[in-house]
Amino acid sequence: MSVNIIFKIAAVGILVSVLGQVLKHSGREEQAFLTSLAGLILVLFWIVPYIYELFETIKELFLI
């Protein structure tokens, strides 16, 4: 697992947080929610392969 994925997740978190605050203060709560949801889905797409790899490794470990 690369350190770059941690920096990507942090960057998305910061960006979503700033956009969410700007949208909330301008009265667009629905778009702020959708922005947060989009950030969450993006990060999940990045993380799911690593979780799959973890479960496969654990499965192989207990088969030995």
C-alpha atoms as a PDB file:
ATOM      1  CA  MET A   1       0.000   0.000   0.000  1.00  0.00           C
ATOM      2  CA  SER A   2       1.376   3.308  -1.067  1.00  0.00           C
ATOM      3  CA  VAL A   3       1.568   6.465   0.993  1.00  0.00           C
ATOM      4  CA  ASN A   4       0.087   8.333  -1.975  1.00  0.00           C
ATOM      5  CA  ILE A   5      -3.376   6.921  -1.254  1.00  0.00           C
ATOM      6  CA  ILE A   6      -3.278   8.504   2.218  1.00  0.00           C
ATOM      7  CA  PHE A   7      -2.397  11.877   0.726  1.00  0.00           C
ATOM      8  CA  LYS A   8      -5.157  11.524  -1.868  1.00  0.00           C
ATOM      9  CA  ILE A   9      -7.727  10.750   0.806  1.00  0.00           C
ATOM     10  CA  ALA A  10      -6.548  13.685   2.894  1.00  0.00           C
ATOM     11  CA  ALA A  11      -6.746  16.013  -0.103  1.00  0.00           C
ATOM     12  CA  VAL A  12     -10.279  14.875  -0.917  1.00  0.00           C
ATOM     13  CA  GLY A  13     -11.264  15.333   2.731  1.00  0.00           C
ATOM     14  CA  ILE A  14      -9.910  18.873   2.851  1.00  0.00           C
ATOM     15  CA  LEU A  15     -11.484  19.792  -0.473  1.00  0.00           C
ATOM     16  CA  VAL A  16     -14.880  18.353   0.451  1.00  0.00           C
ATOM     17  CA  SER A  17     -14.772  20.080   3.826  1.00  0.00           C
ATOM     18  CA  VAL A  18     -14.021  23.483   2.323  1.00  0.00           C
ATOM     19  CA  LEU A  19     -16.607  23.094  -0.435  1.00  0.00           C
ATOM     20  CA  GLY A  20     -19.186  21.904   2.090  1.00  0.00           C
ATOM     21  CA  GLN A  21     -18.644  24.917   4.325  1.00  0.00           C
ATOM     22  CA  VAL A  22     -18.823  27.343   1.416  1.00  0.00           C
ATOM     23  CA  LEU A  23     -22.008  25.749   0.112  1.00  0.00           C
ATOM     24  CA  LYS A  24     -23.633  25.657   3.570  1.00  0.00           C
ATOM     25  CA  HIS A  25     -22.899  29.322   4.213  1.00  0.00           C
ATOM     26  CA  SER A  26     -24.373  30.258   0.850  1.00  0.00           C
ATOM     27  CA  GLY A  27     -27.584  28.402   1.679  1.00  0.00           C
ATOM     28  CA  ARG A  28     -27.110  25.373  -0.549  1.00  0.00           C
ATOM     29  CA  GLU A  29     -27.296  22.558   1.970  1.00  0.00           C
ATOM     30  CA  GLU A  30     -28.448  20.006  -0.608  1.00  0.00           C
ATOM     31  CA  GLN A  31     -25.414  20.555  -2.796  1.00  0.00           C
ATOM     32  CA  ALA A  32     -23.148  20.456   0.262  1.00  0.00           C
ATOM     33  CA  PHE A  33     -24.605  17.060   1.131  1.00  0.00           C
ATOM     34  CA  LEU A  34     -24.137  15.810  -2.432  1.00  0.00           C
ATOM     35  CA  THR A  35     -20.532  17.042  -2.406  1.00  0.00           C
ATOM     36  CA  SER A  36     -19.862  15.118   0.799  1.00  0.00           C
ATOM     37  CA  LEU A  37     -21.522  12.028  -0.632  1.00  0.00           C
ATOM     38  CA  ALA A  38     -19.466  12.262  -3.834  1.00  0.00           C
ATOM     39  CA  GLY A  39     -16.250  12.549  -1.805  1.00  0.00           C
ATOM     40  CA  LEU A  40     -17.196   9.522   0.252  1.00  0.00           C
ATOM     41  CA  ILE A  41     -17.985   7.427  -2.828  1.00  0.00           C
ATOM     42  CA  LEU A  42     -14.717   8.454  -4.483  1.00  0.00           C
ATOM     43  CA  VAL A  43     -12.676   7.437  -1.447  1.00  0.00           C
ATOM     44  CA  LEU A  44     -14.578   4.157  -1.149  1.00  0.00           C
ATOM     45  CA  PHE A  45     -13.733   3.309  -4.753  1.00  0.00           C
ATOM     46  CA  TRP A  46     -10.071   3.865  -3.919  1.00  0.00           C
ATOM     47  CA  ILE A  47     -10.179   1.822  -0.692  1.00  0.00           C
ATOM     48  CA  VAL A  48     -12.259  -1.220  -1.731  1.00  0.00           C
ATOM     49  CA  PRO A  49      -9.408  -2.999  -3.610  1.00  0.00           C
ATOM     50  CA  TYR A  50      -7.179  -2.718  -0.537  1.00  0.00           C
ATOM     51  CA  ILE A  51      -9.917  -4.130   1.708  1.00  0.00           C
ATOM     52  CA  TYR A  52     -10.427  -7.005  -0.737  1.00  0.00           C
ATOM     53  CA  GLU A  53      -6.695  -7.702  -0.709  1.00  0.00           C
ATOM     54  CA  LEU A  54      -6.711  -7.681   3.109  1.00  0.00           C
ATOM     55  CA  PHE A  55      -9.529 -10.229   3.278  1.00  0.00           C
ATOM     56  CA  GLU A  56      -7.826 -12.447   0.714  1.00  0.00           C
ATOM     57  CA  THR A  57      -4.594 -12.343   2.723  1.00  0.00           C
ATOM     58  CA  ILE A  58      -6.440 -13.242   5.932  1.00  0.00           C
ATOM     59  CA  LYS A  59      -8.239 -16.055   4.121  1.00  0.00           C
ATOM     60  CA  GLU A  60      -4.929 -17.473   2.856  1.00  0.00           C
ATOM     61  CA  LEU A  61      -3.427 -17.148   6.315  1.00  0.00           C
ATOM     62  CA  PHE A  62      -6.107 -19.298   7.927  1.00  0.00           C
ATOM     63  CA  LEU A  63      -6.022 -21.896   5.143  1.00  0.00           C
ATOM     64  CA  ILE A  64      -2.390 -22.706   5.914  1.00  0.00           C
END
